[in-house]
Amino acid sequence: MRAQVGDWLVIECGSVGGSIQRGLIEEVHGHDGGPPYLVHWIETGGRALIFPGPDAHVVTSEDLHASQRRAARHFLFGGRAAEDPAQSS
């Protein structure tokens, strides 16, 4: 696993009803982008030095925002592109 400051650590619990945890990587302490990482967790606001397990992966800020936009488009517009109000005249 490799990361850089500003990437996001995402931990996806594999059990039924498990939650997804997201945290901003604020420091990288390992060699060549490896763990441990100082992570600022969204849900709790706490910070922790962590060696991620097999249920974790790193995504860039751009990748995380792109996936959130895709999810919003899917749920808000049924998978269709949102209409641009400036073009609907």
PDB file of N, CA and C in Angstrom:
ATOM      1  N   MET A   1       0.853  -1.176   0.000  1.00  0.00           N
ATOM      2  CA  MET A   1       0.000   0.000   0.000  1.00  0.00           C
ATOM      3  C   MET A   1       0.890   1.227   0.000  1.00  0.00           C
ATOM      4  N   ARG A   2       0.551   2.164  -0.861  1.00  0.00           N
ATOM      5  CA  ARG A   2       1.299   3.416  -0.981  1.00  0.00           C
ATOM      6  C   ARG A   2       0.329   4.585  -0.880  1.00  0.00           C
ATOM      7  N   ALA A   3       0.773   5.653  -0.216  1.00  0.00           N
ATOM      8  CA  ALA A   3      -0.069   6.844  -0.062  1.00  0.00           C
ATOM      9  C   ALA A   3       0.812   8.067   0.012  1.00  0.00           C
ATOM     10  N   GLN A   4       0.157   9.206  -0.116  1.00  0.00           N
ATOM     11  CA  GLN A   4       0.828  10.476   0.117  1.00  0.00           C
ATOM     12  C   GLN A   4      -0.114  11.376   0.907  1.00  0.00           C
ATOM     13  N   VAL A   5       0.454  12.387   1.522  1.00  0.00           N
ATOM     14  CA  VAL A   5      -0.346  13.328   2.302  1.00  0.00           C
ATOM     15  C   VAL A   5      -1.441  13.891   1.403  1.00  0.00           C
ATOM     16  N   GLY A   6      -2.676  13.908   1.908  1.00  0.00           N
ATOM     17  CA  GLY A   6      -3.817  14.402   1.148  1.00  0.00           C
ATOM     18  C   GLY A   6      -4.659  13.295   0.538  1.00  0.00           C
ATOM     19  N   ASP A   7      -4.112  12.064   0.510  1.00  0.00           N
ATOM     20  CA  ASP A   7      -4.913  10.919   0.069  1.00  0.00           C
ATOM     21  C   ASP A   7      -5.881  10.534   1.179  1.00  0.00           C
ATOM     22  N   TRP A   8      -6.811   9.652   0.847  1.00  0.00           N
ATOM     23  CA  TRP A   8      -7.810   9.182   1.802  1.00  0.00           C
ATOM     24  C   TRP A   8      -7.643   7.702   2.058  1.00  0.00           C
ATOM     25  N   LEU A   9      -7.732   7.308   3.315  1.00  0.00           N
ATOM     26  CA  LEU A   9      -7.737   5.903   3.686  1.00  0.00           C
ATOM     27  C   LEU A   9      -9.194   5.504   3.871  1.00  0.00           C
ATOM     28  N   VAL A  10      -9.605   4.459   3.159  1.00  0.00           N
ATOM     29  CA  VAL A  10     -10.980   3.974   3.227  1.00  0.00           C
ATOM     30  C   VAL A  10     -10.938   2.554   3.768  1.00  0.00           C
ATOM     31  N   ILE A  11     -11.683   2.310   4.845  1.00  0.00           N
ATOM     32  CA  ILE A  11     -11.775   0.980   5.427  1.00  0.00           C
ATOM     33  C   ILE A  11     -13.206   0.514   5.262  1.00  0.00           C
ATOM     34  N   GLU A  12     -13.367  -0.611   4.562  1.00  0.00           N
ATOM     35  CA  GLU A  12     -14.691  -1.159   4.290  1.00  0.00           C
ATOM     36  C   GLU A  12     -14.864  -2.448   5.069  1.00  0.00           C
ATOM     37  N   CYS A  13     -15.755  -2.425   6.027  1.00  0.00           N
ATOM     38  CA  CYS A  13     -16.036  -3.599   6.846  1.00  0.00           C
ATOM     39  C   CYS A  13     -16.775  -4.637   6.002  1.00  0.00           C
ATOM     40  N   GLY A  14     -16.283  -5.850   5.985  1.00  0.00           N
ATOM     41  CA  GLY A  14     -16.879  -6.895   5.163  1.00  0.00           C
ATOM     42  C   GLY A  14     -18.096  -7.567   5.762  1.00  0.00           C
ATOM     43  N   SER A  15     -18.423  -7.274   7.007  1.00  0.00           N
ATOM     44  CA  SER A  15     -19.569  -7.929   7.629  1.00  0.00           C
ATOM     45  C   SER A  15     -20.866  -7.192   7.312  1.00  0.00           C
ATOM     46  N   VAL A  16     -21.962  -7.905   7.404  1.00  0.00           N
ATOM     47  CA  VAL A  16     -23.278  -7.323   7.151  1.00  0.00           C
ATOM     48  C   VAL A  16     -23.530  -6.215   8.173  1.00  0.00           C
ATOM     49  N   GLY A  17     -23.953  -5.074   7.676  1.00  0.00           N
ATOM     50  CA  GLY A  17     -24.232  -3.943   8.555  1.00  0.00           C
ATOM     51  C   GLY A  17     -22.995  -3.164   8.945  1.00  0.00           C
ATOM     52  N   GLY A  18     -21.841  -3.568   8.419  1.00  0.00           N
ATOM     53  CA  GLY A  18     -20.604  -2.874   8.739  1.00  0.00           C
ATOM     54  C   GLY A  18     -20.554  -1.506   8.088  1.00  0.00           C
ATOM     55  N   SER A  19     -19.768  -0.650   8.647  1.00  0.00           N
ATOM     56  CA  SER A  19     -19.701   0.716   8.129  1.00  0.00           C
ATOM     57  C   SER A  19     -18.439   0.921   7.305  1.00  0.00           C
ATOM     58  N   ILE A  20     -18.436   2.001   6.556  1.00  0.00           N
ATOM     59  CA  ILE A  20     -17.260   2.422   5.813  1.00  0.00           C
ATOM     60  C   ILE A  20     -16.672   3.610   6.556  1.00  0.00           C
ATOM     61  N   GLN A  21     -15.382   3.533   6.845  1.00  0.00           N
ATOM     62  CA  GLN A  21     -14.705   4.619   7.528  1.00  0.00           C
ATOM     63  C   GLN A  21     -13.775   5.306   6.543  1.00  0.00           C
ATOM     64  N   ARG A  22     -13.769   6.631   6.584  1.00  0.00           N
ATOM     65  CA  ARG A  22     -12.892   7.415   5.719  1.00  0.00           C
ATOM     66  C   ARG A  22     -12.081   8.375   6.571  1.00  0.00           C
ATOM     67  N   GLY A  23     -10.821   8.489   6.229  1.00  0.00           N
ATOM     68  CA  GLY A  23      -9.968   9.420   6.944  1.00  0.00           C
ATOM     69  C   GLY A  23      -8.926  10.035   6.029  1.00  0.00           C
ATOM     70  N   LEU A  24      -8.607  11.272   6.282  1.00  0.00           N
ATOM     71  CA  LEU A  24      -7.608  12.004   5.514  1.00  0.00           C
ATOM     72  C   LEU A  24      -6.224  11.643   6.030  1.00  0.00           C
ATOM     73  N   ILE A  25      -5.329  11.262   5.128  1.00  0.00           N
ATOM     74  CA  ILE A  25      -3.959  10.939   5.517  1.00  0.00           C
ATOM     75  C   ILE A  25      -3.197  12.250   5.660  1.00  0.00           C
ATOM     76  N   GLU A  26      -2.786  12.531   6.895  1.00  0.00           N
ATOM     77  CA  GLU A  26      -2.095  13.786   7.185  1.00  0.00           C
ATOM     78  C   GLU A  26      -0.575  13.628   7.222  1.00  0.00           C
ATOM     79  N   GLU A  27      -0.101  12.416   7.536  1.00  0.00           N
ATOM     80  CA  GLU A  27       1.335  12.153   7.565  1.00  0.00           C
ATOM     81  C   GLU A  27       1.585  10.736   7.084  1.00  0.00           C
ATOM     82  N   VAL A  28       2.690  10.557   6.368  1.00  0.00           N
ATOM     83  CA  VAL A  28       3.121   9.232   5.909  1.00  0.00           C
ATOM     84  C   VAL A  28       4.463   8.961   6.584  1.00  0.00           C
ATOM     85  N   HIS A  29       4.514   7.918   7.407  1.00  0.00           N
ATOM     86  CA  HIS A  29       5.724   7.639   8.186  1.00  0.00           C
ATOM     87  C   HIS A  29       6.562   6.504   7.615  1.00  0.00           C
ATOM     88  N   GLY A  30       6.036   5.746   6.682  1.00  0.00           N
ATOM     89  CA  GLY A  30       6.767   4.626   6.120  1.00  0.00           C
ATOM     90  C   GLY A  30       7.649   5.039   4.958  1.00  0.00           C
ATOM     91  N   HIS A  31       8.516   4.127   4.593  1.00  0.00           N
ATOM     92  CA  HIS A  31       9.419   4.346   3.468  1.00  0.00           C
ATOM     93  C   HIS A  31       8.653   4.285   2.156  1.00  0.00           C
ATOM     94  N   ASP A  32       8.903   5.230   1.256  1.00  0.00           N
ATOM     95  CA  ASP A  32       8.331   5.231  -0.090  1.00  0.00           C
ATOM     96  C   ASP A  32       6.798   5.186  -0.102  1.00  0.00           C
ATOM     97  N   GLY A  33       6.164   5.932   0.814  1.00  0.00           N
ATOM     98  CA  GLY A  33       4.700   6.018   0.835  1.00  0.00           C
ATOM     99  C   GLY A  33       4.002   4.908   1.601  1.00  0.00           C
ATOM    100  N   GLY A  34       4.759   4.087   2.268  1.00  0.00           N
ATOM    101  CA  GLY A  34       4.159   2.971   3.020  1.00  0.00           C
ATOM    102  C   GLY A  34       3.700   3.389   4.406  1.00  0.00           C
ATOM    103  N   PRO A  35       2.913   2.524   5.056  1.00  0.00           N
ATOM    104  CA  PRO A  35       2.439   2.819   6.408  1.00  0.00           C
ATOM    105  C   PRO A  35       3.589   2.760   7.411  1.00  0.00           C
ATOM    106  N   PRO A  36       3.353   3.318   8.605  1.00  0.00           N
ATOM    107  CA  PRO A  36       2.070   3.781   9.141  1.00  0.00           C
ATOM    108  C   PRO A  36       1.711   5.181   8.649  1.00  0.00           C
ATOM    109  N   TYR A  37       0.397   5.464   8.749  1.00  0.00           N
ATOM    110  CA  TYR A  37      -0.149   6.750   8.342  1.00  0.00           C
ATOM    111  C   TYR A  37      -0.826   7.413   9.537  1.00  0.00           C
ATOM    112  N   LEU A  38      -0.655   8.727   9.653  1.00  0.00           N
ATOM    113  CA  LEU A  38      -1.441   9.488  10.615  1.00  0.00           C
ATOM    114  C   LEU A  38      -2.716   9.883   9.893  1.00  0.00           C
ATOM    115  N   VAL A  39      -3.843   9.387  10.383  1.00  0.00           N
ATOM    116  CA  VAL A  39      -5.129   9.556   9.712  1.00  0.00           C
ATOM    117  C   VAL A  39      -6.065  10.385  10.583  1.00  0.00           C
ATOM    118  N   HIS A  40      -6.719  11.360   9.969  1.00  0.00           N
ATOM    119  CA  HIS A  40      -7.735  12.190  10.631  1.00  0.00           C
ATOM    120  C   HIS A  40      -9.093  11.646  10.186  1.00  0.00           C
ATOM    121  N   TRP A  41      -9.804  10.980  11.092  1.00  0.00           N
ATOM    122  CA  TRP A  41     -11.060  10.297  10.761  1.00  0.00           C
ATOM    123  C   TRP A  41     -12.219  11.273  10.678  1.00  0.00           C
ATOM    124  N   ILE A  42     -13.030  11.135   9.622  1.00  0.00           N
ATOM    125  CA  ILE A  42     -14.181  12.007   9.409  1.00  0.00           C
ATOM    126  C   ILE A  42     -15.229  11.821  10.505  1.00  0.00           C
ATOM    127  N   GLU A  43     -15.572  10.578  10.786  1.00  0.00           N
ATOM    128  CA  GLU A  43     -16.698  10.289  11.680  1.00  0.00           C
ATOM    129  C   GLU A  43     -16.465  10.769  13.114  1.00  0.00           C
ATOM    130  N   THR A  44     -15.234  10.603  13.613  1.00  0.00           N
ATOM    131  CA  THR A  44     -14.975  10.930  15.012  1.00  0.00           C
ATOM    132  C   THR A  44     -14.206  12.225  15.205  1.00  0.00           C
ATOM    133  N   GLY A  45     -13.514  12.671  14.160  1.00  0.00           N
ATOM    134  CA  GLY A  45     -12.665  13.841  14.289  1.00  0.00           C
ATOM    135  C   GLY A  45     -11.332  13.525  14.950  1.00  0.00           C
ATOM    136  N   GLY A  46     -11.160  12.268  15.361  1.00  0.00           N
ATOM    137  CA  GLY A  46      -9.919  11.866  16.012  1.00  0.00           C
ATOM    138  C   GLY A  46      -8.821  11.581  15.008  1.00  0.00           C
ATOM    139  N   ARG A  47      -7.605  11.547  15.528  1.00  0.00           N
ATOM    140  CA  ARG A  47      -6.443  11.203  14.710  1.00  0.00           C
ATOM    141  C   ARG A  47      -5.800   9.952  15.289  1.00  0.00           C
ATOM    142  N   ALA A  48      -5.266   9.104  14.390  1.00  0.00           N
ATOM    143  CA  ALA A  48      -4.609   7.883  14.846  1.00  0.00           C
ATOM    144  C   ALA A  48      -3.501   7.502  13.889  1.00  0.00           C
ATOM    145  N   LEU A  49      -2.425   6.951  14.440  1.00  0.00           N
ATOM    146  CA  LEU A  49      -1.356   6.393  13.638  1.00  0.00           C
ATOM    147  C   LEU A  49      -1.755   4.950  13.353  1.00  0.00           C
ATOM    148  N   ILE A  50      -1.836   4.573  12.083  1.00  0.00           N
ATOM    149  CA  ILE A  50      -2.438   3.286  11.742  1.00  0.00           C
ATOM    150  C   ILE A  50      -1.625   2.537  10.687  1.00  0.00           C
ATOM    151  N   PHE A  51      -1.553   1.225  10.873  1.00  0.00           N
ATOM    152  CA  PHE A  51      -1.082   0.292   9.855  1.00  0.00           C
ATOM    153  C   PHE A  51      -2.347  -0.341   9.285  1.00  0.00           C
ATOM    154  N   PRO A  52      -2.776   0.047   8.075  1.00  0.00           N
ATOM    155  CA  PRO A  52      -4.037  -0.454   7.530  1.00  0.00           C
ATOM    156  C   PRO A  52      -4.015  -1.968   7.309  1.00  0.00           C
ATOM    157  N   GLY A  53      -5.179  -2.577   7.504  1.00  0.00           N
ATOM    158  CA  GLY A  53      -5.345  -4.000   7.288  1.00  0.00           C
ATOM    159  C   GLY A  53      -5.806  -4.307   5.874  1.00  0.00           C
ATOM    160  N   PRO A  54      -6.156  -5.572   5.616  1.00  0.00           N
ATOM    161  CA  PRO A  54      -6.549  -5.996   4.270  1.00  0.00           C
ATOM    162  C   PRO A  54      -7.883  -5.420   3.792  1.00  0.00           C
ATOM    163  N   ASP A  55      -8.675  -4.873   4.707  1.00  0.00           N
ATOM    164  CA  ASP A  55      -9.967  -4.295   4.325  1.00  0.00           C
ATOM    165  C   ASP A  55      -9.860  -2.804   4.006  1.00  0.00           C
ATOM    166  N   ALA A  56      -8.636  -2.304   3.896  1.00  0.00           N
ATOM    167  CA  ALA A  56      -8.411  -0.872   3.657  1.00  0.00           C
ATOM    168  C   ALA A  56      -7.779  -0.649   2.284  1.00  0.00           C
ATOM    169  N   HIS A  57      -8.063   0.529   1.732  1.00  0.00           N
ATOM    170  CA  HIS A  57      -7.397   0.942   0.503  1.00  0.00           C
ATOM    171  C   HIS A  57      -7.244   2.458   0.501  1.00  0.00           C
ATOM    172  N   VAL A  58      -6.305   2.925  -0.309  1.00  0.00           N
ATOM    173  CA  VAL A  58      -6.009   4.349  -0.405  1.00  0.00           C
ATOM    174  C   VAL A  58      -6.577   4.873  -1.715  1.00  0.00           C
ATOM    175  N   VAL A  59      -7.233   6.026  -1.643  1.00  0.00           N
ATOM    176  CA  VAL A  59      -7.714   6.698  -2.856  1.00  0.00           C
ATOM    177  C   VAL A  59      -7.256   8.154  -2.811  1.00  0.00           C
ATOM    178  N   THR A  60      -7.065   8.718  -3.982  1.00  0.00           N
ATOM    179  CA  THR A  60      -6.702  10.133  -4.036  1.00  0.00           C
ATOM    180  C   THR A  60      -7.948  10.965  -3.755  1.00  0.00           C
ATOM    181  N   SER A  61      -7.742  12.203  -3.426  1.00  0.00           N
ATOM    182  CA  SER A  61      -8.861  13.111  -3.196  1.00  0.00           C
ATOM    183  C   SER A  61      -9.711  13.231  -4.452  1.00  0.00           C
ATOM    184  N   GLU A  62      -9.057  13.305  -5.607  1.00  0.00           N
ATOM    185  CA  GLU A  62      -9.780  13.410  -6.881  1.00  0.00           C
ATOM    186  C   GLU A  62     -10.645  12.171  -7.139  1.00  0.00           C
ATOM    187  N   ASP A  63     -10.090  10.987  -6.878  1.00  0.00           N
ATOM    188  CA  ASP A  63     -10.856   9.748  -7.072  1.00  0.00           C
ATOM    189  C   ASP A  63     -12.057   9.678  -6.127  1.00  0.00           C
ATOM    190  N   LEU A  64     -11.852  10.094  -4.876  1.00  0.00           N
ATOM    191  CA  LEU A  64     -12.949  10.065  -3.903  1.00  0.00           C
ATOM    192  C   LEU A  64     -14.066  11.009  -4.328  1.00  0.00           C
ATOM    193  N   HIS A  65     -13.720  12.219  -4.752  1.00  0.00           N
ATOM    194  CA  HIS A  65     -14.740  13.179  -5.176  1.00  0.00           C
ATOM    195  C   HIS A  65     -15.459  12.708  -6.438  1.00  0.00           C
ATOM    196  N   ALA A  66     -14.733  12.090  -7.357  1.00  0.00           N
ATOM    197  CA  ALA A  66     -15.355  11.577  -8.577  1.00  0.00           C
ATOM    198  C   ALA A  66     -16.363  10.480  -8.248  1.00  0.00           C
ATOM    199  N   SER A  67     -16.033   9.600  -7.309  1.00  0.00           N
ATOM    200  CA  SER A  67     -16.979   8.541  -6.947  1.00  0.00           C
ATOM    201  C   SER A  67     -18.199   9.117  -6.239  1.00  0.00           C
ATOM    202  N   GLN A  68     -18.016  10.172  -5.454  1.00  0.00           N
ATOM    203  CA  GLN A  68     -19.156  10.816  -4.800  1.00  0.00           C
ATOM    204  C   GLN A  68     -20.058  11.497  -5.828  1.00  0.00           C
ATOM    205  N   ARG A  69     -19.463  12.108  -6.853  1.00  0.00           N
ATOM    206  CA  ARG A  69     -20.273  12.722  -7.911  1.00  0.00           C
ATOM    207  C   ARG A  69     -21.063  11.664  -8.679  1.00  0.00           C
ATOM    208  N   ARG A  70     -20.421  10.524  -8.975  1.00  0.00           N
ATOM    209  CA  ARG A  70     -21.127   9.438  -9.673  1.00  0.00           C
ATOM    210  C   ARG A  70     -22.291   8.929  -8.839  1.00  0.00           C
ATOM    211  N   ALA A  71     -22.070   8.754  -7.536  1.00  0.00           N
ATOM    212  CA  ALA A  71     -23.139   8.274  -6.660  1.00  0.00           C
ATOM    213  C   ALA A  71     -24.277   9.290  -6.599  1.00  0.00           C
ATOM    214  N   ALA A  72     -23.954  10.565  -6.475  1.00  0.00           N
ATOM    215  CA  ALA A  72     -24.995  11.594  -6.418  1.00  0.00           C
ATOM    216  C   ALA A  72     -25.796  11.619  -7.705  1.00  0.00           C
ATOM    217  N   ARG A  73     -25.098  11.534  -8.835  1.00  0.00           N
ATOM    218  CA  ARG A  73     -25.782  11.534 -10.130  1.00  0.00           C
ATOM    219  C   ARG A  73     -26.708  10.331 -10.238  1.00  0.00           C
ATOM    220  N   HIS A  74     -26.244   9.180  -9.780  1.00  0.00           N
ATOM    221  CA  HIS A  74     -27.052   7.968  -9.857  1.00  0.00           C
ATOM    222  C   HIS A  74     -28.322   8.096  -9.003  1.00  0.00           C
ATOM    223  N   PHE A  75     -28.162   8.553  -7.772  1.00  0.00           N
ATOM    224  CA  PHE A  75     -29.306   8.603  -6.863  1.00  0.00           C
ATOM    225  C   PHE A  75     -30.206   9.805  -7.095  1.00  0.00           C
ATOM    226  N   LEU A  76     -29.649  10.920  -7.530  1.00  0.00           N
ATOM    227  CA  LEU A  76     -30.465  12.112  -7.731  1.00  0.00           C
ATOM    228  C   LEU A  76     -31.126  12.154  -9.095  1.00  0.00           C
ATOM    229  N   PHE A  77     -30.451  11.610 -10.108  1.00  0.00           N
ATOM    230  CA  PHE A  77     -30.936  11.733 -11.475  1.00  0.00           C
ATOM    231  C   PHE A  77     -31.164  10.387 -12.153  1.00  0.00           C
ATOM    232  N   GLY A  78     -31.165   9.304 -11.378  1.00  0.00           N
ATOM    233  CA  GLY A  78     -31.413   7.984 -11.939  1.00  0.00           C
ATOM    234  C   GLY A  78     -30.387   7.560 -12.968  1.00  0.00           C
ATOM    235  N   GLY A  79     -29.147   8.010 -12.817  1.00  0.00           N
ATOM    236  CA  GLY A  79     -28.096   7.642 -13.735  1.00  0.00           C
ATOM    237  C   GLY A  79     -27.973   8.560 -14.938  1.00  0.00           C
ATOM    238  N   ARG A  80     -28.950   9.443 -15.139  1.00  0.00           N
ATOM    239  CA  ARG A  80     -28.891  10.389 -16.257  1.00  0.00           C
ATOM    240  C   ARG A  80     -28.048  11.596 -15.857  1.00  0.00           C
ATOM    241  N   ALA A  81     -27.490  12.243 -16.832  1.00  0.00           N
ATOM    242  CA  ALA A  81     -26.732  13.468 -16.563  1.00  0.00           C
ATOM    243  C   ALA A  81     -27.718  14.559 -16.145  1.00  0.00           C
ATOM    244  N   ALA A  82     -27.301  15.353 -15.206  1.00  0.00           N
ATOM    245  CA  ALA A  82     -28.126  16.475 -14.763  1.00  0.00           C
ATOM    246  C   ALA A  82     -28.214  17.495 -15.884  1.00  0.00           C
ATOM    247  N   GLU A  83     -29.364  18.111 -16.022  1.00  0.00           N
ATOM    248  CA  GLU A  83     -29.529  19.146 -17.035  1.00  0.00           C
ATOM    249  C   GLU A  83     -28.856  20.419 -16.575  1.00  0.00           C
ATOM    250  N   ASP A  84     -28.223  21.089 -17.481  1.00  0.00           N
ATOM    251  CA  ASP A  84     -27.589  22.360 -17.204  1.00  0.00           C
ATOM    252  C   ASP A  84     -28.637  23.447 -17.366  1.00  0.00           C
ATOM    253  N   PRO A  85     -29.016  24.150 -16.270  1.00  0.00           N
ATOM    254  CA  PRO A  85     -30.075  25.159 -16.363  1.00  0.00           C
ATOM    255  C   PRO A  85     -29.746  26.256 -17.383  1.00  0.00           C
ATOM    256  N   ALA A  86     -28.470  26.525 -17.604  1.00  0.00           N
ATOM    257  CA  ALA A  86     -28.100  27.575 -18.545  1.00  0.00           C
ATOM    258  C   ALA A  86     -28.404  27.168 -19.988  1.00  0.00           C
ATOM    259  N   GLN A  87     -28.479  25.852 -20.248  1.00  0.00           N
ATOM    260  CA  GLN A  87     -28.724  25.380 -21.605  1.00  0.00           C
ATOM    261  C   GLN A  87     -30.190  25.043 -21.862  1.00  0.00           C
ATOM    262  N   SER A  88     -31.051  25.185 -20.870  1.00  0.00           N
ATOM    263  CA  SER A  88     -32.450  24.787 -21.057  1.00  0.00           C
ATOM    264  C   SER A  88     -33.348  25.952 -21.441  1.00  0.00           C
ATOM    265  N   SER A  89     -32.806  27.021 -22.006  1.00  0.00           N
ATOM    266  CA  SER A  89     -33.660  28.139 -22.427  1.00  0.00           C
ATOM    267  C   SER A  89     -34.008  28.075 -23.875  1.00  0.00           C
TER     268      SER A  89
END
